[in-house]
PDB file of N, CA and C in Angstrom:
ATOM      1  N   MET A   1      36.135 -65.499  87.943  1.00  0.00           N
ATOM      2  CA  MET A   1      36.388 -66.134  86.651  1.00  0.00           C
ATOM      3  C   MET A   1      37.744 -65.700  86.109  1.00  0.00           C
ATOM      4  N   GLU A   2      38.340 -66.595  85.369  1.00  0.00           N
ATOM      5  CA  GLU A   2      39.621 -66.269  84.762  1.00  0.00           C
ATOM      6  C   GLU A   2      39.435 -65.367  83.555  1.00  0.00           C
ATOM      7  N   GLN A   3      40.357 -64.467  83.409  1.00  0.00           N
ATOM      8  CA  GLN A   3      40.337 -63.637  82.212  1.00  0.00           C
ATOM      9  C   GLN A   3      41.243 -64.272  81.168  1.00  0.00           C
ATOM     10  N   ILE A   4      40.732 -64.363  79.951  1.00  0.00           N
ATOM     11  CA  ILE A   4      41.514 -64.952  78.865  1.00  0.00           C
ATOM     12  C   ILE A   4      42.360 -63.853  78.238  1.00  0.00           C
ATOM     13  N   THR A   5      43.670 -64.057  78.256  1.00  0.00           N
ATOM     14  CA  THR A   5      44.556 -63.059  77.665  1.00  0.00           C
ATOM     15  C   THR A   5      44.776 -63.380  76.197  1.00  0.00           C
ATOM     16  N   LYS A   6      44.920 -62.342  75.423  1.00  0.00           N
ATOM     17  CA  LYS A   6      45.151 -62.522  73.992  1.00  0.00           C
ATOM     18  C   LYS A   6      46.623 -62.833  73.756  1.00  0.00           C
ATOM     19  N   PRO A   7      46.938 -63.642  72.752  1.00  0.00           N
ATOM     20  CA  PRO A   7      48.344 -63.931  72.463  1.00  0.00           C
ATOM     21  C   PRO A   7      49.043 -62.695  71.896  1.00  0.00           C
ATOM     22  N   HIS A   8      50.313 -62.585  72.200  1.00  0.00           N
ATOM     23  CA  HIS A   8      51.104 -61.456  71.705  1.00  0.00           C
ATOM     24  C   HIS A   8      51.716 -61.849  70.362  1.00  0.00           C
ATOM     25  N   CYS A   9      50.941 -61.735  69.296  1.00  0.00           N
ATOM     26  CA  CYS A   9      51.407 -62.161  67.978  1.00  0.00           C
ATOM     27  C   CYS A   9      52.401 -61.174  67.379  1.00  0.00           C
ATOM     28  N   GLY A  10      52.299 -59.911  67.765  1.00  0.00           N
ATOM     29  CA  GLY A  10      53.177 -58.905  67.181  1.00  0.00           C
ATOM     30  C   GLY A  10      54.639 -59.174  67.474  1.00  0.00           C
ATOM     31  N   ALA A  11      54.946 -59.619  68.683  1.00  0.00           N
ATOM     32  CA  ALA A  11      56.334 -59.884  69.038  1.00  0.00           C
ATOM     33  C   ALA A  11      56.882 -61.064  68.246  1.00  0.00           C
ATOM     34  N   ARG A  12      56.040 -62.050  67.993  1.00  0.00           N
ATOM     35  CA  ARG A  12      56.508 -63.205  67.230  1.00  0.00           C
ATOM     36  C   ARG A  12      56.716 -62.849  65.765  1.00  0.00           C
ATOM     37  N   LEU A  13      55.811 -62.024  65.224  1.00  0.00           N
ATOM     38  CA  LEU A  13      55.942 -61.650  63.818  1.00  0.00           C
ATOM     39  C   LEU A  13      57.182 -60.797  63.590  1.00  0.00           C
ATOM     40  N   ASP A  14      57.577 -60.019  64.590  1.00  0.00           N
ATOM     41  CA  ASP A  14      58.768 -59.192  64.440  1.00  0.00           C
ATOM     42  C   ASP A  14      60.035 -60.029  64.404  1.00  0.00           C
ATOM     43  N   ARG A  15      60.003 -61.202  65.014  1.00  0.00           N
ATOM     44  CA  ARG A  15      61.207 -62.029  65.080  1.00  0.00           C
ATOM     45  C   ARG A  15      61.345 -62.996  63.909  1.00  0.00           C
ATOM     46  N   LEU A  16      60.403 -62.956  62.954  1.00  0.00           N
ATOM     47  CA  LEU A  16      60.529 -63.845  61.809  1.00  0.00           C
ATOM     48  C   LEU A  16      61.737 -63.451  60.967  1.00  0.00           C
ATOM     49  N   PRO A  17      62.485 -64.428  60.467  1.00  0.00           N
ATOM     50  CA  PRO A  17      63.621 -64.096  59.605  1.00  0.00           C
ATOM     51  C   PRO A  17      63.130 -63.558  58.264  1.00  0.00           C
ATOM     52  N   ASP A  18      63.741 -62.497  57.804  1.00  0.00           N
ATOM     53  CA  ASP A  18      63.301 -61.902  56.545  1.00  0.00           C
ATOM     54  C   ASP A  18      64.487 -61.681  55.604  1.00  0.00           C
ATOM     55  N   CYS A  19      65.340 -62.699  55.496  1.00  0.00           N
ATOM     56  CA  CYS A  19      66.418 -62.588  54.529  1.00  0.00           C
ATOM     57  C   CYS A  19      65.894 -63.004  53.154  1.00  0.00           C
ATOM     58  N   ARG A  20      66.724 -62.863  52.143  1.00  0.00           N
ATOM     59  CA  ARG A  20      66.287 -63.124  50.772  1.00  0.00           C
ATOM     60  C   ARG A  20      65.930 -64.591  50.581  1.00  0.00           C
ATOM     61  N   TRP A  21      66.666 -65.504  51.230  1.00  0.00           N
ATOM     62  CA  TRP A  21      66.408 -66.936  51.060  1.00  0.00           C
ATOM     63  C   TRP A  21      65.035 -67.305  51.603  1.00  0.00           C
ATOM     64  N   HIS A  22      64.677 -66.795  52.764  1.00  0.00           N
ATOM     65  CA  HIS A  22      63.369 -67.106  53.339  1.00  0.00           C
ATOM     66  C   HIS A  22      62.243 -66.540  52.483  1.00  0.00           C
ATOM     67  N   SER A  23      62.449 -65.357  51.937  1.00  0.00           N
ATOM     68  CA  SER A  23      61.420 -64.769  51.075  1.00  0.00           C
ATOM     69  C   SER A  23      61.229 -65.590  49.815  1.00  0.00           C
ATOM     70  N   SER A  24      62.327 -66.066  49.236  1.00  0.00           N
ATOM     71  CA  SER A  24      62.201 -66.864  48.012  1.00  0.00           C
ATOM     72  C   SER A  24      61.574 -68.221  48.305  1.00  0.00           C
ATOM     73  N   MET A  25      61.895 -68.833  49.440  1.00  0.00           N
ATOM     74  CA  MET A  25      61.270 -70.114  49.777  1.00  0.00           C
ATOM     75  C   MET A  25      59.779 -69.939  50.049  1.00  0.00           C
ATOM     76  N   PHE A  26      59.395 -68.838  50.671  1.00  0.00           N
ATOM     77  CA  PHE A  26      57.977 -68.558  50.877  1.00  0.00           C
ATOM     78  C   PHE A  26      57.267 -68.402  49.536  1.00  0.00           C
ATOM     79  N   ALA A  27      57.911 -67.724  48.589  1.00  0.00           N
ATOM     80  CA  ALA A  27      57.307 -67.539  47.268  1.00  0.00           C
ATOM     81  C   ALA A  27      57.170 -68.873  46.546  1.00  0.00           C
ATOM     82  N   VAL A  28      58.161 -69.748  46.661  1.00  0.00           N
ATOM     83  CA  VAL A  28      58.100 -71.060  46.009  1.00  0.00           C
ATOM     84  C   VAL A  28      56.968 -71.892  46.596  1.00  0.00           C
ATOM     85  N   VAL A  29      56.839 -71.911  47.913  1.00  0.00           N
ATOM     86  CA  VAL A  29      55.778 -72.686  48.557  1.00  0.00           C
ATOM     87  C   VAL A  29      54.408 -72.115  48.206  1.00  0.00           C
ATOM     88  N   ALA A  30      54.276 -70.798  48.220  1.00  0.00           N
ATOM     89  CA  ALA A  30      52.995 -70.173  47.880  1.00  0.00           C
ATOM     90  C   ALA A  30      52.615 -70.470  46.436  1.00  0.00           C
ATOM     91  N   PHE A  31      53.569 -70.414  45.527  1.00  0.00           N
ATOM     92  CA  PHE A  31      53.286 -70.706  44.120  1.00  0.00           C
ATOM     93  C   PHE A  31      52.912 -72.171  43.944  1.00  0.00           C
ATOM     94  N   GLY A  32      53.607 -73.067  44.655  1.00  0.00           N
ATOM     95  CA  GLY A  32      53.284 -74.487  44.574  1.00  0.00           C
ATOM     96  C   GLY A  32      51.883 -74.788  45.082  1.00  0.00           C
ATOM     97  N   LEU A  33      51.488 -74.166  46.188  1.00  0.00           N
ATOM     98  CA  LEU A  33      50.127 -74.361  46.694  1.00  0.00           C
ATOM     99  C   LEU A  33      49.095 -73.817  45.716  1.00  0.00           C
ATOM    100  N   LEU A  34      49.381 -72.686  45.118  1.00  0.00           N
ATOM    101  CA  LEU A  34      48.450 -72.098  44.163  1.00  0.00           C
ATOM    102  C   LEU A  34      48.265 -73.013  42.959  1.00  0.00           C
ATOM    103  N   VAL A  35      49.358 -73.556  42.437  1.00  0.00           N
ATOM    104  CA  VAL A  35      49.281 -74.430  41.265  1.00  0.00           C
ATOM    105  C   VAL A  35      48.579 -75.734  41.621  1.00  0.00           C
ATOM    106  N   CYS A  36      48.909 -76.315  42.773  1.00  0.00           N
ATOM    107  CA  CYS A  36      48.303 -77.597  43.157  1.00  0.00           C
ATOM    108  C   CYS A  36      46.811 -77.453  43.401  1.00  0.00           C
ATOM    109  N   TRP A  37      46.408 -76.401  44.088  1.00  0.00           N
ATOM    110  CA  TRP A  37      44.996 -76.246  44.415  1.00  0.00           C
ATOM    111  C   TRP A  37      44.169 -75.810  43.213  1.00  0.00           C
ATOM    112  N   SER A  38      44.800 -75.098  42.265  1.00  0.00           N
ATOM    113  CA  SER A  38      44.031 -74.658  41.098  1.00  0.00           C
ATOM    114  C   SER A  38      43.822 -75.808  40.120  1.00  0.00           C
ATOM    115  N   ASN A  39      44.654 -76.843  40.177  1.00  0.00           N
ATOM    116  CA  ASN A  39      44.526 -77.984  39.268  1.00  0.00           C
ATOM    117  C   ASN A  39      43.747 -79.132  39.892  1.00  0.00           C
ATOM    118  N   ALA A  40      43.296 -78.983  41.119  1.00  0.00           N
ATOM    119  CA  ALA A  40      42.594 -80.076  41.795  1.00  0.00           C
ATOM    120  C   ALA A  40      41.207 -80.289  41.232  1.00  0.00           C
TER     121      ALA A  40
END
């Protein structure tokens, strides 16, 4: 039987861009989702 290997998520998470612009865009999207879903 084949063995199922787990994905290497740690390497991908380390390569995410973490400059100030990306952090602010993440905050804007998260706030927008929070507002939209709370008013639904």
